[in-house]
Amino acid sequence: MEENDTASEIQDYTAVAGVKLAAGTTPATREQIIEALKTVSDPEIMINIWDMGLVYRIECKADGDVDIDMTVTAPTCPVAGILPQQAAEAVAALDGVGIATVKVVWEPAWSIDKISDEARAMFELF
């Protein structure tokens, strides 16, 4: 597969995991969702997607479903199609989360300025 084919495949990529919650189930908190996202790391640099600044939006719905917008560092990133699915699965595994939907977005473009101080310290180790 050529680089342009990979970029076009990931362009409109959405990952989904989980099942609808039973009515009356208490939804997970935003903080719990963030902690779940921190378990998903880029395998090349071992920094989680939250600290990398790849997660742009988290919407926690009253029924426990969660919608997330995230990006990757570049469309040709070798794990561009893997990280969103891992994020959806990590969030869906939480008690209080039904369907987790992770959409890859490209605006605003990711830059190194988006990383957390903790991730910045990790980069300095490389």
N, C-alpha and C. Protein backbone atom coordinates (compact mmCIF):
# COMPACT_ATOMS: atom_id res chain seq x y z
N MET A 1 0.85 -1.18 0.00
CA MET A 1 0.00 0.00 0.00
C MET A 1 0.89 1.23 0.00
N GLU A 2 0.55 2.17 -0.82
CA GLU A 2 1.33 3.39 -0.91
C GLU A 2 0.94 4.35 0.20
N GLU A 3 1.84 5.31 0.48
CA GLU A 3 1.62 6.29 1.53
C GLU A 3 0.31 7.06 1.34
N ASN A 4 0.00 7.47 0.12
CA ASN A 4 -1.23 8.22 -0.13
C ASN A 4 -2.47 7.38 0.13
N ASP A 5 -2.41 6.07 -0.16
CA ASP A 5 -3.53 5.18 0.13
C ASP A 5 -3.79 5.11 1.62
N THR A 6 -2.73 5.01 2.42
CA THR A 6 -2.87 4.97 3.88
C THR A 6 -3.48 6.26 4.38
N ALA A 7 -3.01 7.39 3.87
CA ALA A 7 -3.52 8.69 4.31
C ALA A 7 -5.01 8.82 3.99
N SER A 8 -5.44 8.38 2.82
CA SER A 8 -6.85 8.52 2.47
C SER A 8 -7.71 7.56 3.30
N GLU A 9 -7.20 6.38 3.65
CA GLU A 9 -7.95 5.45 4.48
C GLU A 9 -8.20 6.02 5.88
N ILE A 10 -7.20 6.66 6.46
CA ILE A 10 -7.32 7.18 7.81
C ILE A 10 -8.05 8.53 7.83
N GLN A 11 -8.17 9.18 6.69
CA GLN A 11 -8.75 10.51 6.60
C GLN A 11 -10.10 10.61 7.31
N ASP A 12 -10.98 9.66 7.09
CA ASP A 12 -12.32 9.69 7.67
C ASP A 12 -12.53 8.51 8.62
N TYR A 13 -11.52 8.12 9.33
CA TYR A 13 -11.57 6.93 10.16
C TYR A 13 -12.33 7.17 11.46
N THR A 14 -13.22 6.25 11.79
CA THR A 14 -13.94 6.27 13.05
C THR A 14 -13.87 4.88 13.65
N ALA A 15 -13.49 4.80 14.93
CA ALA A 15 -13.41 3.53 15.65
C ALA A 15 -14.53 3.48 16.67
N VAL A 16 -15.13 2.32 16.81
CA VAL A 16 -16.26 2.15 17.73
C VAL A 16 -16.05 0.88 18.55
N ALA A 17 -16.39 0.98 19.85
CA ALA A 17 -16.32 -0.19 20.73
C ALA A 17 -17.40 -0.06 21.80
N GLY A 18 -17.79 -1.19 22.37
CA GLY A 18 -18.73 -1.19 23.47
C GLY A 18 -20.14 -1.56 23.07
N VAL A 19 -21.01 -1.57 24.08
CA VAL A 19 -22.43 -1.87 23.89
C VAL A 19 -23.24 -0.89 24.72
N LYS A 20 -24.47 -0.67 24.33
CA LYS A 20 -25.35 0.25 25.06
C LYS A 20 -25.47 -0.19 26.52
N LEU A 21 -25.49 0.78 27.42
CA LEU A 21 -25.68 0.50 28.84
C LEU A 21 -27.16 0.29 29.15
N ALA A 22 -27.40 -0.44 30.21
CA ALA A 22 -28.76 -0.59 30.70
C ALA A 22 -29.23 0.76 31.23
N ALA A 23 -30.52 1.03 31.06
CA ALA A 23 -31.09 2.27 31.57
C ALA A 23 -30.84 2.39 33.06
N GLY A 24 -30.51 3.59 33.50
CA GLY A 24 -30.28 3.83 34.92
C GLY A 24 -28.85 3.61 35.38
N THR A 25 -27.97 3.15 34.49
CA THR A 25 -26.57 2.96 34.85
C THR A 25 -25.90 4.32 34.99
N THR A 26 -25.11 4.48 36.03
CA THR A 26 -24.40 5.74 36.24
C THR A 26 -23.26 5.86 35.23
N PRO A 27 -23.24 6.93 34.45
CA PRO A 27 -22.18 7.10 33.45
C PRO A 27 -20.82 7.35 34.10
N ALA A 28 -19.78 6.94 33.41
CA ALA A 28 -18.40 7.21 33.84
C ALA A 28 -18.16 8.72 33.79
N THR A 29 -17.22 9.18 34.60
CA THR A 29 -16.88 10.60 34.63
C THR A 29 -15.84 10.91 33.55
N ARG A 30 -15.74 12.17 33.24
CA ARG A 30 -14.71 12.63 32.30
C ARG A 30 -13.32 12.24 32.79
N GLU A 31 -13.09 12.36 34.10
CA GLU A 31 -11.79 12.02 34.67
C GLU A 31 -11.47 10.53 34.48
N GLN A 32 -12.47 9.67 34.63
CA GLN A 32 -12.25 8.24 34.41
C GLN A 32 -11.92 7.96 32.95
N ILE A 33 -12.59 8.67 32.06
CA ILE A 33 -12.34 8.50 30.63
C ILE A 33 -10.92 8.95 30.29
N ILE A 34 -10.50 10.06 30.84
CA ILE A 34 -9.13 10.53 30.60
C ILE A 34 -8.12 9.51 31.10
N GLU A 35 -8.35 8.95 32.28
CA GLU A 35 -7.44 7.93 32.81
C GLU A 35 -7.38 6.71 31.88
N ALA A 36 -8.52 6.32 31.31
CA ALA A 36 -8.52 5.21 30.35
C ALA A 36 -7.72 5.57 29.10
N LEU A 37 -7.87 6.80 28.62
CA LEU A 37 -7.12 7.24 27.44
C LEU A 37 -5.62 7.24 27.71
N LYS A 38 -5.24 7.48 28.94
CA LYS A 38 -3.82 7.49 29.30
C LYS A 38 -3.20 6.10 29.26
N THR A 39 -4.03 5.05 29.12
CA THR A 39 -3.49 3.69 29.01
C THR A 39 -3.12 3.34 27.57
N VAL A 40 -3.44 4.23 26.63
CA VAL A 40 -3.15 3.99 25.21
C VAL A 40 -1.93 4.82 24.83
N SER A 41 -0.87 4.13 24.44
CA SER A 41 0.39 4.81 24.14
C SER A 41 0.84 4.55 22.72
N ASP A 42 1.54 5.52 22.18
CA ASP A 42 2.21 5.36 20.90
C ASP A 42 3.34 4.36 21.13
N PRO A 43 3.36 3.22 20.43
CA PRO A 43 4.37 2.19 20.71
C PRO A 43 5.80 2.59 20.36
N GLU A 44 5.95 3.60 19.51
CA GLU A 44 7.30 4.01 19.14
C GLU A 44 7.95 4.88 20.20
N ILE A 45 7.15 5.73 20.86
CA ILE A 45 7.74 6.64 21.84
C ILE A 45 7.22 6.43 23.25
N MET A 46 6.26 5.53 23.41
CA MET A 46 5.74 5.14 24.72
C MET A 46 5.21 6.33 25.54
N ILE A 47 4.55 7.24 24.87
CA ILE A 47 3.87 8.34 25.55
C ILE A 47 2.40 8.19 25.21
N ASN A 48 1.54 8.34 26.23
CA ASN A 48 0.12 8.11 26.00
C ASN A 48 -0.52 9.21 25.16
N ILE A 49 -1.65 8.86 24.56
CA ILE A 49 -2.30 9.77 23.61
C ILE A 49 -2.84 11.03 24.28
N TRP A 50 -3.17 10.95 25.57
CA TRP A 50 -3.65 12.15 26.27
C TRP A 50 -2.50 13.14 26.45
N ASP A 51 -1.38 12.67 26.98
CA ASP A 51 -0.23 13.56 27.21
C ASP A 51 0.40 14.04 25.91
N MET A 52 0.21 13.27 24.83
CA MET A 52 0.71 13.71 23.53
C MET A 52 -0.15 14.85 22.97
N GLY A 53 -1.32 15.07 23.55
CA GLY A 53 -2.21 16.11 23.05
C GLY A 53 -2.98 15.68 21.81
N LEU A 54 -3.15 14.37 21.64
CA LEU A 54 -3.84 13.86 20.46
C LEU A 54 -5.36 13.86 20.62
N VAL A 55 -5.85 13.96 21.86
CA VAL A 55 -7.29 13.96 22.11
C VAL A 55 -7.77 15.41 22.16
N TYR A 56 -8.68 15.75 21.27
CA TYR A 56 -9.16 17.12 21.16
C TYR A 56 -10.50 17.36 21.84
N ARG A 57 -11.36 16.34 21.89
CA ARG A 57 -12.71 16.54 22.43
C ARG A 57 -13.21 15.25 23.04
N ILE A 58 -13.85 15.36 24.21
CA ILE A 58 -14.53 14.24 24.85
C ILE A 58 -15.94 14.70 25.17
N GLU A 59 -16.93 14.00 24.65
CA GLU A 59 -18.32 14.30 24.97
C GLU A 59 -18.92 13.10 25.70
N CYS A 60 -19.26 13.31 26.96
CA CYS A 60 -19.87 12.27 27.79
C CYS A 60 -21.38 12.46 27.73
N LYS A 61 -22.07 11.49 27.22
CA LYS A 61 -23.52 11.60 27.08
C LYS A 61 -24.23 11.00 28.30
N ALA A 62 -25.45 11.43 28.53
CA ALA A 62 -26.22 11.00 29.69
C ALA A 62 -26.47 9.50 29.71
N ASP A 63 -26.49 8.86 28.53
CA ASP A 63 -26.74 7.41 28.47
C ASP A 63 -25.46 6.58 28.61
N GLY A 64 -24.32 7.26 28.86
CA GLY A 64 -23.05 6.55 29.03
C GLY A 64 -22.23 6.43 27.77
N ASP A 65 -22.80 6.79 26.62
CA ASP A 65 -22.01 6.77 25.39
C ASP A 65 -21.01 7.93 25.44
N VAL A 66 -19.89 7.74 24.77
CA VAL A 66 -18.83 8.74 24.76
C VAL A 66 -18.37 8.95 23.32
N ASP A 67 -18.31 10.21 22.92
CA ASP A 67 -17.78 10.58 21.60
C ASP A 67 -16.46 11.32 21.82
N ILE A 68 -15.45 10.89 21.08
CA ILE A 68 -14.11 11.47 21.22
C ILE A 68 -13.60 11.86 19.84
N ASP A 69 -13.03 13.04 19.75
CA ASP A 69 -12.29 13.45 18.55
C ASP A 69 -10.82 13.41 18.91
N MET A 70 -10.05 12.75 18.08
CA MET A 70 -8.61 12.73 18.29
C MET A 70 -7.92 12.83 16.95
N THR A 71 -6.65 13.08 17.01
CA THR A 71 -5.85 13.14 15.80
C THR A 71 -4.66 12.21 15.97
N VAL A 72 -3.86 12.13 14.97
CA VAL A 72 -2.57 11.44 15.04
C VAL A 72 -1.53 12.43 14.57
N THR A 73 -0.28 12.11 14.81
CA THR A 73 0.76 13.08 14.50
C THR A 73 0.87 13.37 13.00
N ALA A 74 0.54 12.37 12.17
CA ALA A 74 0.57 12.55 10.71
C ALA A 74 -0.28 11.45 10.07
N PRO A 75 -0.90 11.73 8.93
CA PRO A 75 -1.71 10.70 8.27
C PRO A 75 -0.92 9.45 7.93
N THR A 76 0.37 9.59 7.74
CA THR A 76 1.20 8.44 7.39
C THR A 76 1.81 7.76 8.61
N CYS A 77 1.41 8.18 9.80
CA CYS A 77 1.88 7.56 11.03
C CYS A 77 1.57 6.07 10.98
N PRO A 78 2.56 5.21 11.29
CA PRO A 78 2.36 3.76 11.19
C PRO A 78 1.23 3.22 12.08
N VAL A 79 0.88 3.92 13.15
CA VAL A 79 -0.17 3.43 14.06
C VAL A 79 -1.45 4.26 13.95
N ALA A 80 -1.58 5.03 12.87
CA ALA A 80 -2.74 5.91 12.71
C ALA A 80 -4.06 5.16 12.75
N GLY A 81 -4.11 3.95 12.23
CA GLY A 81 -5.34 3.16 12.24
C GLY A 81 -5.51 2.31 13.47
N ILE A 82 -4.49 2.24 14.30
CA ILE A 82 -4.52 1.38 15.49
C ILE A 82 -4.90 2.17 16.74
N LEU A 83 -4.30 3.33 16.94
CA LEU A 83 -4.52 4.11 18.17
C LEU A 83 -5.98 4.48 18.40
N PRO A 84 -6.74 4.92 17.37
CA PRO A 84 -8.14 5.25 17.64
C PRO A 84 -8.95 4.04 18.13
N GLN A 85 -8.70 2.87 17.55
CA GLN A 85 -9.42 1.67 18.00
C GLN A 85 -9.02 1.30 19.42
N GLN A 86 -7.74 1.41 19.72
CA GLN A 86 -7.30 1.13 21.09
C GLN A 86 -7.93 2.10 22.07
N ALA A 87 -8.07 3.36 21.67
CA ALA A 87 -8.70 4.36 22.54
C ALA A 87 -10.17 4.02 22.76
N ALA A 88 -10.88 3.66 21.70
CA ALA A 88 -12.29 3.30 21.83
C ALA A 88 -12.46 2.10 22.75
N GLU A 89 -11.61 1.11 22.60
CA GLU A 89 -11.70 -0.09 23.44
C GLU A 89 -11.37 0.20 24.89
N ALA A 90 -10.38 1.04 25.13
CA ALA A 90 -10.00 1.38 26.51
C ALA A 90 -11.13 2.11 27.22
N VAL A 91 -11.76 3.04 26.52
CA VAL A 91 -12.86 3.80 27.11
C VAL A 91 -14.08 2.91 27.29
N ALA A 92 -14.41 2.09 26.29
CA ALA A 92 -15.58 1.22 26.37
C ALA A 92 -15.46 0.19 27.49
N ALA A 93 -14.23 -0.14 27.89
CA ALA A 93 -14.02 -1.12 28.95
C ALA A 93 -14.36 -0.57 30.33
N LEU A 94 -14.52 0.73 30.45
CA LEU A 94 -14.85 1.33 31.75
C LEU A 94 -16.28 1.00 32.17
N ASP A 95 -16.48 0.79 33.46
CA ASP A 95 -17.84 0.73 33.98
C ASP A 95 -18.47 2.09 33.76
N GLY A 96 -19.69 2.11 33.28
CA GLY A 96 -20.38 3.38 33.07
C GLY A 96 -20.19 3.95 31.68
N VAL A 97 -19.57 3.19 30.78
CA VAL A 97 -19.45 3.62 29.38
C VAL A 97 -20.16 2.60 28.51
N GLY A 98 -21.02 3.10 27.63
CA GLY A 98 -21.70 2.24 26.66
C GLY A 98 -20.87 2.16 25.39
N ILE A 99 -21.30 2.88 24.39
CA ILE A 99 -20.60 2.90 23.10
C ILE A 99 -19.58 4.03 23.11
N ALA A 100 -18.34 3.69 22.83
CA ALA A 100 -17.28 4.69 22.70
C ALA A 100 -16.97 4.84 21.21
N THR A 101 -17.10 6.06 20.72
CA THR A 101 -16.83 6.36 19.32
C THR A 101 -15.67 7.34 19.26
N VAL A 102 -14.62 6.96 18.53
CA VAL A 102 -13.45 7.80 18.39
C VAL A 102 -13.30 8.16 16.92
N LYS A 103 -13.39 9.45 16.65
CA LYS A 103 -13.27 9.94 15.27
C LYS A 103 -11.92 10.62 15.10
N VAL A 104 -11.23 10.28 14.02
CA VAL A 104 -9.97 10.95 13.69
C VAL A 104 -10.30 12.26 12.99
N VAL A 105 -9.75 13.35 13.53
CA VAL A 105 -9.94 14.68 12.94
C VAL A 105 -8.57 15.26 12.59
N TRP A 106 -8.59 16.24 11.71
CA TRP A 106 -7.32 16.82 11.24
C TRP A 106 -7.21 18.31 11.53
N GLU A 107 -8.25 18.89 12.08
CA GLU A 107 -8.22 20.32 12.43
C GLU A 107 -8.46 20.47 13.92
N PRO A 108 -7.67 21.19 14.62
CA PRO A 108 -6.41 21.78 14.16
C PRO A 108 -5.34 20.70 14.01
N ALA A 109 -4.40 20.97 13.17
CA ALA A 109 -3.31 20.02 12.96
C ALA A 109 -2.52 19.85 14.26
N TRP A 110 -2.07 18.63 14.51
CA TRP A 110 -1.29 18.36 15.71
C TRP A 110 0.10 18.99 15.57
N SER A 111 0.61 19.50 16.66
CA SER A 111 1.99 19.99 16.70
C SER A 111 2.57 19.65 18.06
N ILE A 112 3.85 19.70 18.16
CA ILE A 112 4.54 19.36 19.40
C ILE A 112 4.14 20.30 20.55
N ASP A 113 3.59 21.45 20.23
CA ASP A 113 3.13 22.39 21.25
C ASP A 113 1.96 21.84 22.06
N LYS A 114 1.29 20.81 21.56
CA LYS A 114 0.11 20.25 22.22
C LYS A 114 0.45 19.25 23.32
N ILE A 115 1.70 18.84 23.44
CA ILE A 115 2.03 17.82 24.42
C ILE A 115 2.10 18.40 25.83
N SER A 116 1.83 17.55 26.80
CA SER A 116 1.86 17.96 28.21
C SER A 116 3.30 18.14 28.68
N ASP A 117 3.47 18.76 29.82
CA ASP A 117 4.81 18.93 30.39
C ASP A 117 5.45 17.58 30.67
N GLU A 118 4.63 16.60 31.11
CA GLU A 118 5.15 15.25 31.38
C GLU A 118 5.69 14.61 30.10
N ALA A 119 4.93 14.74 29.01
CA ALA A 119 5.36 14.18 27.74
C ALA A 119 6.59 14.91 27.22
N ARG A 120 6.64 16.21 27.42
CA ARG A 120 7.79 16.99 26.98
C ARG A 120 9.06 16.49 27.67
N ALA A 121 8.95 16.17 28.95
CA ALA A 121 10.09 15.64 29.70
C ALA A 121 10.52 14.30 29.12
N MET A 122 9.55 13.48 28.70
CA MET A 122 9.87 12.17 28.10
C MET A 122 10.61 12.38 26.77
N PHE A 123 10.14 13.34 25.96
CA PHE A 123 10.81 13.61 24.69
C PHE A 123 12.27 13.99 24.91
N GLU A 124 12.55 14.70 25.97
CA GLU A 124 13.93 15.11 26.24
C GLU A 124 14.82 13.92 26.55
N LEU A 125 14.22 12.80 26.96
CA LEU A 125 15.00 11.60 27.23
C LEU A 125 15.44 10.89 25.96
N PHE A 126 14.72 11.15 24.85
CA PHE A 126 15.05 10.48 23.58
C PHE A 126 16.15 11.17 22.85
